[in-house]
Amino acid sequence: MSSSSTEAPLSPDLEKNGASSTDVTKVGVAPAIAKPENAPSGAPVDPWDTDPENPRNWSSRKKWTMTAIVSAYNFVPPLASSMMAPALPQIAEHFNITSQTVVSLTLSIFLLSFAIGPLLFAPLSEVYGRTWVLHGGNLAFLAFSLGCAYSKNAGTLAAMRFMSGLAGSGPIACGGGSIGDLFAPRERAGAMAVFSLGPLVRPVVGPNAGGFIASTVGYKWIFITIAATCGVLAAAGLPLLRETYAPVIRVQRGDDGVKLPGLEGEGRGAVLRMIWLNTQRPIILLTRSFICFILSVYMSLIYGTYYLMFTTFPGLFLETYHFSVGVSGLAYLGLGIGFVLSTLIGAKAGNAIYQRLADRNGGVGKPEMRIPALIFGSFFIPVGLFWYGWSAEAKLHWIMPIIGTAIFAFGFMTAFLPIQLYLVDAFTYAASALAAASVLRSLFGFAFPLFGAQMFDALGTGGGNSLLGGLAIVLGIPFPIWIYFKGEDMRKGNPLNR
């Protein structure tokens, strides 16, 4: 399916650069955002641009309050995805699971439904608004977490984990869109860094908490703790969170001539058609845009490697370094330190580079101006993997592999953020581009732990991580450099791009 003029963007970020409000209205789409910062100076100004109800015009305090709530809702699902990792041996013993693959499946099956959910919830957020998708996902996640806690057998636990992933993907599906609703491109990097840091750091916080909970009161209380956290967030979010999606706000207040993007007709049939159309778009982007494909594959490789670490850490630090179950959670602190440092250094530097390059270009930003930060981060990923793998293979002091994971995490986050920003900036259907990357990386996160044990048995910890580091070099070094120099020319020839 090609991108036609009648297909509406999926989020306020998706209006084409330089398109005026008049151009947008002609195809039956509500002008969803303020005039793009690089729009022609003579373009008509939509009154919505200066409307106080436009989320882009809210006070800084209100914007950051919404950002904090959305980030908090997005905190819990990835927390739950890895919080049970240190308790895997305890879960295997409780349910008499003898296969390492099945044990890994109880952890990673969460990511399988996590990949599917955004294809459903992202278009629903375009019809009913971001707010109720966020609330509904959080409350459903609470219920299925309790289901995990009281599962009677391994099959029920796996099913509840699957449903938890599906519910938890609701906030993930529209959280990035909410950030785009609130902030213009030049303001977005800081908020996106806060939002992106959560999904990455949460799986580090989770195992630390999960290890101590499992070693003191048992694995069941891991899930009860997750459910209680959802309840606290609901108590804060329900009264404070406000709708940020501009077309829904305008339709709800009855603006003349405003329609929801992509929603042709009325009733359930129109909603189903919209969901079907939007479900196809991520696949279209992956198959018809090489830039989207290669960036998504690279992001997925490092994301899958990241989750592979979660299933191999317990064996390494329990068996090789003789950590207790509770203390083994501290092995994940290296990842957390790397993520925090990358957010403090990488995000700030990347935003400064983008603004400097935009100023040199007459104040007009381009997606390729995000790439230098990606190139910088990509160098650290293989270094971290080589350091981690071979220090563990040589059984050096336990701090050495942890330092390796910190280097890997620094590179991961420093590369992850500019990829996210590039996809938002470069694609007309940015929500679909983000969904494409999200689906692919969740599938990699699901699959990698299932073959990880066999790979490390065959190649060793050093050899296995060297293989992953080599792939990170092949995908992460030449292609970003190529995109920096040739990406703009490729985008001009593809109707899916801005």
Protein backbone atom coordinates (compact mmCIF):
# COMPACT_ATOMS: atom_id res chain seq x y z
CA MET A 1 0.00 0.00 0.00
CA SER A 2 1.38 3.38 -0.90
CA SER A 3 1.07 6.50 1.13
CA SER A 4 -1.74 8.54 -0.36
CA SER A 5 -3.01 12.03 0.25
CA THR A 6 -6.11 10.72 1.94
CA GLU A 7 -4.21 8.81 4.58
CA ALA A 8 -3.91 10.87 7.72
CA PRO A 9 -0.97 11.00 10.08
CA LEU A 10 -1.11 9.00 13.27
CA SER A 11 0.00 11.72 15.64
CA PRO A 12 0.39 15.48 15.74
CA ASP A 13 4.05 15.03 14.88
CA LEU A 14 3.18 13.57 11.55
CA GLU A 15 2.08 16.63 9.61
CA LYS A 16 4.40 17.07 6.69
CA ASN A 17 7.02 19.75 6.99
CA GLY A 18 5.94 22.92 5.25
CA ALA A 19 2.27 21.90 4.95
CA SER A 20 -0.09 24.69 5.84
CA SER A 21 -3.28 24.28 7.80
CA THR A 22 -5.21 24.88 4.59
CA ASP A 23 -3.41 22.04 2.83
CA VAL A 24 -4.18 19.68 5.69
CA THR A 25 -7.84 20.60 5.90
CA LYS A 26 -8.31 19.83 2.21
CA VAL A 27 -7.79 16.13 2.87
CA GLY A 28 -10.14 16.09 5.83
CA VAL A 29 -7.46 16.08 8.51
CA ALA A 30 -7.45 18.36 11.49
CA PRO A 31 -4.35 20.55 11.67
CA ALA A 32 -2.88 18.88 14.71
CA ILE A 33 0.12 20.93 15.69
CA ALA A 34 1.56 24.36 15.61
CA LYS A 35 3.21 25.37 12.36
CA PRO A 36 6.42 23.36 11.92
CA GLU A 37 9.55 25.26 12.87
CA ASN A 38 10.90 24.89 9.34
CA ALA A 39 7.64 25.80 7.57
CA PRO A 40 7.86 28.50 4.87
CA SER A 41 7.55 31.99 6.30
CA GLY A 42 4.54 32.80 4.13
CA ALA A 43 2.50 29.74 5.18
CA PRO A 44 -0.94 30.53 6.67
CA VAL A 45 -1.14 30.46 10.46
CA ASP A 46 -3.80 28.26 11.97
CA PRO A 47 -5.56 29.82 15.02
CA TRP A 48 -4.93 26.52 16.80
CA ASP A 49 -1.24 27.42 16.80
CA THR A 50 -1.86 30.08 19.44
CA ASP A 51 -4.83 28.46 21.17
CA PRO A 52 -4.20 28.07 24.94
CA GLU A 53 -5.77 24.58 24.81
CA ASN A 54 -3.12 23.45 22.32
CA PRO A 55 -0.79 21.22 24.41
CA ARG A 56 2.20 22.84 22.71
CA ASN A 57 1.11 26.12 24.34
CA TRP A 58 0.63 24.79 27.87
CA SER A 59 2.86 26.11 30.61
CA SER A 60 6.20 24.41 31.11
CA ARG A 61 5.03 23.17 34.50
CA LYS A 62 1.95 21.53 33.03
CA LYS A 63 3.90 19.97 30.16
CA TRP A 64 6.42 18.43 32.51
CA THR A 65 3.68 17.23 34.85
CA MET A 66 2.12 15.37 31.92
CA THR A 67 5.56 14.08 30.90
CA ALA A 68 6.19 12.81 34.43
CA ILE A 69 2.85 10.97 34.57
CA VAL A 70 3.24 9.44 31.11
CA SER A 71 6.82 8.38 31.94
CA ALA A 72 5.60 6.88 35.23
CA TYR A 73 2.92 4.86 33.43
CA ASN A 74 5.65 3.68 31.07
CA PHE A 75 7.88 2.81 34.02
CA VAL A 76 6.06 -0.26 35.28
CA PRO A 77 5.69 -2.64 32.27
CA PRO A 78 9.42 -2.90 31.47
CA LEU A 79 10.04 -3.10 35.22
CA ALA A 80 7.85 -6.20 35.30
CA SER A 81 9.45 -7.59 32.14
CA SER A 82 12.73 -8.19 33.97
CA MET A 83 11.94 -7.97 37.68
CA MET A 84 11.47 -11.72 37.85
CA ALA A 85 14.85 -12.46 36.19
CA PRO A 86 16.80 -13.14 39.43
CA ALA A 87 13.94 -15.39 40.60
CA LEU A 88 14.03 -17.67 37.54
CA PRO A 89 15.81 -20.51 39.40
CA GLN A 90 13.24 -20.23 42.21
CA ILE A 91 10.34 -20.25 39.70
CA ALA A 92 11.83 -23.26 37.89
CA GLU A 93 12.06 -25.15 41.17
CA HIS A 94 8.54 -24.18 42.28
CA PHE A 95 6.92 -25.32 39.01
CA ASN A 96 9.34 -28.23 38.39
CA ILE A 97 10.61 -26.77 35.10
CA THR A 98 13.69 -28.61 33.86
CA SER A 99 14.17 -26.98 30.43
CA GLN A 100 16.24 -23.77 30.35
CA THR A 101 14.34 -22.71 27.23
CA VAL A 102 11.00 -22.99 29.03
CA VAL A 103 12.39 -21.06 31.99
CA SER A 104 13.56 -18.30 29.64
CA LEU A 105 10.16 -18.38 27.93
CA THR A 106 8.35 -17.40 31.15
CA LEU A 107 10.49 -14.26 31.14
CA SER A 108 10.57 -13.35 27.45
CA ILE A 109 6.99 -14.25 26.44
CA PHE A 110 6.08 -10.90 27.94
CA LEU A 111 7.87 -9.23 25.01
CA LEU A 112 5.97 -11.23 22.39
CA SER A 113 2.65 -9.59 23.31
CA PHE A 114 4.53 -6.37 23.99
CA ALA A 115 5.33 -6.37 20.26
CA ILE A 116 1.74 -6.97 19.18
CA GLY A 117 -0.03 -4.50 21.45
CA PRO A 118 1.14 -1.20 19.92
CA LEU A 119 -0.39 -2.16 16.57
CA LEU A 120 -3.80 -2.16 18.29
CA PHE A 121 -3.44 0.52 20.93
CA ALA A 122 -1.71 3.20 18.83
CA PRO A 123 -4.69 3.60 16.44
CA LEU A 124 -7.15 3.37 19.35
CA SER A 125 -5.36 6.32 20.93
CA GLU A 126 -6.05 8.26 17.73
CA VAL A 127 -9.81 7.68 18.14
CA TYR A 128 -10.38 7.77 21.89
CA GLY A 129 -7.34 9.80 22.96
CA ARG A 130 -4.07 9.00 24.69
CA THR A 131 -5.42 9.39 28.21
CA TRP A 132 -7.76 6.43 28.36
CA VAL A 133 -5.33 4.10 26.64
CA LEU A 134 -2.80 5.03 29.33
CA HIS A 135 -5.30 4.56 32.15
CA GLY A 136 -6.79 1.35 30.73
CA GLY A 137 -3.43 -0.25 30.08
CA ASN A 138 -2.23 0.53 33.59
CA LEU A 139 -5.34 -0.90 35.29
CA ALA A 140 -5.36 -4.05 33.12
CA PHE A 141 -1.68 -4.51 33.84
CA LEU A 142 -2.47 -4.40 37.57
CA ALA A 143 -5.03 -7.19 37.17
CA PHE A 144 -2.80 -9.52 35.13
CA SER A 145 0.14 -8.97 37.48
CA LEU A 146 -2.01 -10.35 40.28
CA GLY A 147 -2.82 -13.24 37.95
CA CYS A 148 0.91 -13.97 37.66
CA ALA A 149 1.27 -13.92 41.44
CA TYR A 150 -1.43 -16.53 41.98
CA SER A 151 -0.76 -18.81 38.99
CA LYS A 152 -1.06 -22.50 39.86
CA ASN A 153 1.22 -23.88 37.15
CA ALA A 154 3.83 -22.83 34.59
CA GLY A 155 1.29 -22.69 31.76
CA THR A 156 -0.93 -20.26 33.64
CA LEU A 157 2.09 -18.15 34.59
CA ALA A 158 3.16 -17.94 30.93
CA ALA A 159 -0.39 -17.00 29.88
CA MET A 160 -0.63 -14.28 32.52
CA ARG A 161 2.79 -12.97 31.50
CA PHE A 162 1.60 -12.82 27.90
CA MET A 163 -1.54 -10.88 28.87
CA SER A 164 0.52 -8.61 31.13
CA GLY A 165 2.72 -7.73 28.17
CA LEU A 166 -0.32 -6.98 26.04
CA ALA A 167 -1.83 -4.69 28.69
CA GLY A 168 1.51 -3.05 29.42
CA SER A 169 2.04 -2.21 25.77
CA GLY A 170 -0.89 0.23 25.94
CA PRO A 171 1.04 2.99 27.71
CA ILE A 172 4.12 2.20 25.62
CA ALA A 173 2.10 2.52 22.38
CA CYS A 174 1.09 6.14 22.87
CA GLY A 175 3.63 7.46 25.38
CA GLY A 176 6.04 8.67 22.70
CA GLY A 177 3.14 10.28 20.88
CA SER A 178 2.22 12.15 24.04
CA ILE A 179 5.74 13.60 24.20
CA GLY A 180 5.40 14.69 20.57
CA ASP A 181 2.00 16.25 21.37
CA LEU A 182 3.55 18.42 24.07
CA PHE A 183 6.92 19.52 22.68
CA ALA A 184 8.13 21.02 19.41
CA PRO A 185 11.10 19.30 17.71
CA ARG A 186 13.74 21.68 19.10
CA GLU A 187 12.39 21.18 22.63
CA ARG A 188 11.78 17.45 22.38
CA ALA A 189 15.16 15.86 23.08
CA GLY A 190 15.15 16.42 26.85
CA ALA A 191 11.61 15.12 27.32
CA MET A 192 12.27 12.16 25.00
CA ALA A 193 15.41 11.35 27.00
CA VAL A 194 13.39 11.24 30.24
CA PHE A 195 10.74 9.12 28.54
CA SER A 196 13.26 6.77 26.89
CA LEU A 197 15.42 6.41 29.97
CA GLY A 198 12.56 4.81 31.87
CA PRO A 199 12.06 1.77 29.61
CA LEU A 200 15.80 1.14 29.69
CA VAL A 201 16.60 1.79 33.35
CA ARG A 202 13.47 0.09 34.68
CA PRO A 203 14.73 -3.36 33.68
CA VAL A 204 17.83 -2.57 35.70
CA VAL A 205 15.95 -1.37 38.78
CA GLY A 206 13.62 -4.36 38.49
CA PRO A 207 16.15 -7.18 38.94
CA ASN A 208 17.68 -5.47 41.98
CA ALA A 209 14.31 -5.23 43.67
CA GLY A 210 13.24 -8.63 42.36
CA GLY A 211 16.35 -10.34 43.70
CA PHE A 212 15.86 -9.11 47.25
CA ILE A 213 12.10 -9.74 47.20
CA ALA A 214 12.55 -13.30 45.93
CA SER A 215 15.26 -14.09 48.46
CA THR A 216 13.25 -12.78 51.42
CA VAL A 217 9.51 -13.30 50.87
CA GLY A 218 9.37 -15.32 47.62
CA TYR A 219 8.86 -14.69 43.92
CA LYS A 220 5.06 -14.25 44.28
CA TRP A 221 5.58 -10.92 46.01
CA ILE A 222 7.43 -9.59 42.96
CA PHE A 223 4.13 -9.53 41.07
CA ILE A 224 2.18 -8.24 44.05
CA THR A 225 4.64 -5.36 44.34
CA ILE A 226 4.17 -4.57 40.64
CA ALA A 227 0.38 -4.53 41.07
CA ALA A 228 0.66 -2.24 44.09
CA THR A 229 2.84 0.16 42.08
CA CYS A 230 0.21 0.27 39.34
CA GLY A 231 -2.38 1.14 41.97
CA VAL A 232 -0.30 4.05 43.28
CA LEU A 233 0.22 5.38 39.76
CA ALA A 234 -3.49 5.12 39.02
CA ALA A 235 -4.28 7.12 42.15
CA ALA A 236 -2.02 9.92 40.90
CA GLY A 237 -2.69 9.65 37.17
CA LEU A 238 -6.48 9.41 37.06
CA PRO A 239 -7.10 12.89 38.53
CA LEU A 240 -4.09 14.68 37.00
CA LEU A 241 -3.50 13.38 33.47
CA ARG A 242 -5.06 15.46 30.68
CA GLU A 243 -5.59 14.60 27.03
CA THR A 244 -2.69 15.73 24.82
CA TYR A 245 -3.74 14.57 21.35
CA ALA A 246 -4.82 17.72 19.54
CA PRO A 247 -7.45 16.28 17.13
CA VAL A 248 -9.28 14.54 20.00
CA ILE A 249 -9.20 17.74 22.07
CA ARG A 250 -10.67 19.73 19.18
CA VAL A 251 -13.34 17.16 18.36
CA GLN A 252 -14.37 16.95 22.01
CA ARG A 253 -14.84 20.71 22.23
CA GLY A 254 -16.75 20.78 18.94
CA ASP A 255 -14.46 22.75 16.60
CA ASP A 256 -16.09 23.21 13.20
CA GLY A 257 -14.78 21.06 10.37
CA VAL A 258 -12.35 19.10 12.52
CA LYS A 259 -12.17 15.35 11.96
CA LEU A 260 -10.06 12.67 13.55
CA PRO A 261 -7.06 11.79 11.34
CA GLY A 262 -7.64 8.66 9.30
CA LEU A 263 -11.17 8.09 10.61
CA GLU A 264 -13.40 8.06 7.52
CA GLY A 265 -17.09 7.58 8.30
CA GLU A 266 -18.82 6.82 11.58
CA GLY A 267 -19.31 3.91 13.92
CA ARG A 268 -17.48 0.70 14.68
CA GLY A 269 -16.71 -0.07 11.05
CA ALA A 270 -14.73 3.16 10.66
CA VAL A 271 -12.71 2.40 13.77
CA LEU A 272 -11.95 -1.14 12.56
CA ARG A 273 -10.87 0.18 9.15
CA MET A 274 -8.58 2.66 10.83
CA ILE A 275 -7.04 -0.03 13.05
CA TRP A 276 -6.49 -2.28 10.03
CA LEU A 277 -4.87 0.53 8.05
CA ASN A 278 -2.61 1.55 10.89
CA THR A 279 -1.67 -2.06 11.63
CA GLN A 280 -0.33 -2.37 8.10
CA ARG A 281 1.71 0.82 8.13
CA PRO A 282 4.62 -0.40 10.32
CA ILE A 283 5.06 -3.39 8.01
CA ILE A 284 4.93 -1.07 4.98
CA LEU A 285 7.61 1.13 6.49
CA LEU A 286 9.88 -1.81 7.31
CA THR A 287 9.58 -3.22 3.79
CA ARG A 288 9.57 0.00 1.73
CA SER A 289 11.98 2.25 3.62
CA PHE A 290 15.54 0.99 3.89
CA ILE A 291 16.36 3.71 6.42
CA CYS A 292 13.53 2.61 8.73
CA PHE A 293 14.48 -1.04 8.22
CA ILE A 294 18.20 -0.72 8.97
CA LEU A 295 17.73 1.56 11.99
CA SER A 296 15.03 -0.75 13.36
CA VAL A 297 17.20 -3.85 12.86
CA TYR A 298 20.15 -2.18 14.57
CA MET A 299 18.02 -1.03 17.50
CA SER A 300 16.52 -4.53 17.72
CA LEU A 301 19.95 -6.19 17.76
CA ILE A 302 21.18 -4.19 20.74
CA TYR A 303 17.78 -4.51 22.46
CA GLY A 304 17.78 -8.29 22.01
CA THR A 305 21.34 -8.41 23.34
CA TYR A 306 20.23 -6.36 26.32
CA TYR A 307 17.46 -8.84 27.19
CA LEU A 308 19.77 -11.76 26.58
CA MET A 309 21.89 -10.41 29.42
CA PHE A 310 18.95 -10.68 31.79
CA THR A 311 18.59 -14.41 31.30
CA THR A 312 22.34 -15.10 31.48
CA PHE A 313 23.20 -12.86 34.45
CA PRO A 314 21.71 -15.24 37.07
CA GLY A 315 23.79 -18.18 35.86
CA LEU A 316 26.97 -16.13 35.54
CA PHE A 317 26.85 -14.35 38.87
CA LEU A 318 25.25 -17.16 40.89
CA GLU A 319 27.45 -19.96 39.57
CA THR A 320 30.71 -18.28 38.53
CA TYR A 321 30.92 -15.52 41.13
CA HIS A 322 28.80 -17.25 43.80
CA PHE A 323 26.45 -14.31 44.46
CA SER A 324 23.34 -15.01 46.53
CA VAL A 325 19.91 -14.53 44.88
CA GLY A 326 19.46 -11.21 46.65
CA VAL A 327 22.94 -9.87 45.92
CA SER A 328 22.82 -11.07 42.29
CA GLY A 329 20.42 -8.23 41.52
CA LEU A 330 23.29 -5.81 42.12
CA ALA A 331 24.98 -7.17 38.98
CA TYR A 332 22.47 -5.14 36.98
CA LEU A 333 23.71 -1.85 38.47
CA GLY A 334 26.37 -1.55 35.77
CA LEU A 335 23.65 -1.25 33.17
CA GLY A 336 21.83 1.35 35.25
CA ILE A 337 24.96 3.46 35.73
CA GLY A 338 25.65 3.38 32.00
CA PHE A 339 22.10 4.47 31.19
CA VAL A 340 22.15 7.35 33.65
CA LEU A 341 25.52 8.62 32.40
CA SER A 342 24.37 8.43 28.79
CA THR A 343 21.25 10.43 29.59
CA LEU A 344 23.21 13.10 31.44
CA ILE A 345 25.94 13.32 28.80
CA GLY A 346 24.69 11.82 25.55
CA ALA A 347 21.23 13.42 25.46
CA LYS A 348 22.54 16.88 26.28
CA ALA A 349 25.39 16.62 23.78
CA GLY A 350 23.11 15.22 21.07
CA ASN A 351 20.62 18.04 21.50
CA ALA A 352 23.43 20.63 21.43
CA ILE A 353 24.82 19.13 18.20
CA TYR A 354 21.37 19.15 16.60
CA GLN A 355 20.72 22.78 17.50
CA ARG A 356 24.20 23.86 16.36
CA LEU A 357 23.81 22.14 12.99
CA ALA A 358 20.29 23.57 12.63
CA ASP A 359 21.57 27.09 13.35
CA ARG A 360 24.25 26.66 10.67
CA ASN A 361 21.45 25.68 8.28
CA GLY A 362 19.52 28.90 8.81
CA GLY A 363 17.61 27.59 11.81
CA VAL A 364 16.13 24.66 9.85
CA GLY A 365 16.64 21.27 11.46
CA LYS A 366 17.02 18.05 9.47
CA PRO A 367 16.61 14.46 10.69
CA GLU A 368 20.20 13.66 9.68
CA MET A 369 21.39 16.13 12.32
CA ARG A 370 20.45 13.47 14.90
CA ILE A 371 22.95 10.99 13.43
CA PRO A 372 26.27 12.26 14.90
CA ALA A 373 25.10 11.31 18.39
CA LEU A 374 24.12 7.86 17.07
CA ILE A 375 27.56 7.36 15.50
CA PHE A 376 29.22 8.32 18.78
CA GLY A 377 27.11 5.88 20.81
CA SER A 378 27.59 3.04 18.34
CA PHE A 379 31.32 2.82 19.10
CA PHE A 380 30.71 1.98 22.76
CA ILE A 381 28.34 -0.96 22.17
CA PRO A 382 30.87 -3.48 20.77
CA VAL A 383 33.54 -2.28 23.21
CA GLY A 384 31.19 -3.02 26.11
CA LEU A 385 30.26 -6.45 24.73
CA PHE A 386 33.89 -7.49 24.17
CA TRP A 387 34.86 -6.26 27.65
CA TYR A 388 31.92 -8.01 29.34
CA GLY A 389 32.23 -11.29 27.44
CA TRP A 390 35.96 -11.88 27.73
CA SER A 391 36.32 -10.70 31.33
CA ALA A 392 33.54 -13.15 32.29
CA GLU A 393 35.16 -15.88 30.17
CA ALA A 394 38.46 -15.34 32.01
CA LYS A 395 36.63 -15.24 35.37
CA LEU A 396 38.26 -11.95 36.31
CA HIS A 397 37.06 -10.03 39.37
CA TRP A 398 33.28 -9.57 39.27
CA ILE A 399 33.60 -5.81 38.81
CA MET A 400 35.16 -6.31 35.36
CA PRO A 401 32.10 -7.76 33.56
CA ILE A 402 29.92 -5.19 35.35
CA ILE A 403 32.12 -2.40 33.96
CA GLY A 404 31.66 -3.96 30.52
CA THR A 405 27.88 -3.84 30.88
CA ALA A 406 28.09 -0.17 31.91
CA ILE A 407 30.04 0.66 28.73
CA PHE A 408 27.49 -1.28 26.67
CA ALA A 409 24.57 0.52 28.34
CA PHE A 410 26.18 3.92 27.77
CA GLY A 411 26.45 3.18 24.06
CA PHE A 412 22.97 1.64 23.93
CA MET A 413 21.19 4.67 25.35
CA THR A 414 23.35 7.15 23.44
CA ALA A 415 22.38 5.36 20.20
CA PHE A 416 18.78 4.56 21.16
CA LEU A 417 17.66 8.16 21.69
CA PRO A 418 18.80 9.63 18.33
CA ILE A 419 17.26 6.68 16.48
CA GLN A 420 13.92 7.43 18.16
CA LEU A 421 14.22 11.13 17.34
CA TYR A 422 15.28 10.43 13.76
CA LEU A 423 12.24 8.23 13.15
CA VAL A 424 9.94 10.95 14.52
CA ASP A 425 11.62 13.68 12.46
CA ALA A 426 12.05 11.78 9.18
CA PHE A 427 8.78 9.93 8.60
CA THR A 428 5.42 11.34 7.63
CA TYR A 429 3.80 8.57 9.67
CA ALA A 430 6.14 8.85 12.63
CA ALA A 431 3.91 6.89 15.00
CA SER A 432 4.01 3.98 12.54
CA ALA A 433 7.79 4.28 12.24
CA LEU A 434 8.13 4.11 16.01
CA ALA A 435 5.69 1.19 16.11
CA ALA A 436 7.73 -0.62 13.44
CA ALA A 437 10.90 -0.25 15.48
CA SER A 438 9.08 -1.19 18.68
CA VAL A 439 7.54 -4.34 17.20
CA LEU A 440 10.82 -5.54 15.73
CA ARG A 441 12.88 -4.90 18.85
CA SER A 442 10.30 -6.60 21.08
CA LEU A 443 10.41 -9.67 18.83
CA PHE A 444 14.21 -9.69 19.10
CA GLY A 445 13.92 -9.26 22.87
CA PHE A 446 11.58 -12.27 22.94
CA ALA A 447 13.72 -14.47 20.69
CA PHE A 448 17.27 -13.77 21.87
CA PRO A 449 16.92 -15.30 25.36
CA LEU A 450 15.50 -18.49 23.84
CA PHE A 451 18.71 -19.31 21.91
CA GLY A 452 21.15 -17.52 24.21
CA ALA A 453 21.97 -20.53 26.38
CA GLN A 454 22.73 -22.71 23.34
CA MET A 455 24.88 -19.98 21.75
CA PHE A 456 26.97 -19.48 24.89
CA ASP A 457 27.29 -23.24 25.39
CA ALA A 458 28.70 -23.51 21.86
CA LEU A 459 30.85 -20.36 21.71
CA GLY A 460 31.47 -19.52 25.35
CA THR A 461 30.66 -16.21 27.02
CA GLY A 462 33.53 -14.45 25.27
CA GLY A 463 32.83 -15.89 21.83
CA GLY A 464 29.08 -15.34 22.04
CA ASN A 465 29.41 -11.71 23.05
CA SER A 466 32.10 -11.19 20.40
CA LEU A 467 29.66 -12.45 17.77
CA LEU A 468 27.05 -9.95 18.99
CA GLY A 469 29.67 -7.20 19.15
CA GLY A 470 30.73 -7.96 15.58
CA LEU A 471 27.15 -7.66 14.36
CA ALA A 472 26.86 -4.35 16.25
CA ILE A 473 29.93 -3.08 14.36
CA VAL A 474 28.57 -4.17 10.96
CA LEU A 475 25.16 -2.53 11.53
CA GLY A 476 26.07 0.32 13.84
CA ILE A 477 29.12 1.95 12.29
CA PRO A 478 28.90 2.14 8.46
CA PHE A 479 25.14 2.54 8.06
CA PRO A 480 24.67 5.58 10.33
CA ILE A 481 27.60 7.28 8.55
CA TRP A 482 25.97 6.48 5.22
CA ILE A 483 22.59 7.81 6.43
CA TYR A 484 24.23 11.04 7.61
CA PHE A 485 25.57 11.78 4.13
CA LYS A 486 22.91 10.16 1.90
CA GLY A 487 19.78 10.02 4.08
CA GLU A 488 18.29 13.29 2.84
CA ASP A 489 18.59 12.23 -0.81
CA MET A 490 16.94 8.89 -0.04
CA ARG A 491 14.11 10.57 1.83
CA LYS A 492 13.37 12.83 -1.13
CA GLY A 493 12.70 9.81 -3.30
CA ASN A 494 10.39 8.02 -0.85
CA PRO A 495 6.77 9.20 -0.30
CA LEU A 496 6.81 7.66 3.18
CA ASN A 497 9.35 10.26 4.32
CA ARG A 498 8.94 13.93 5.03
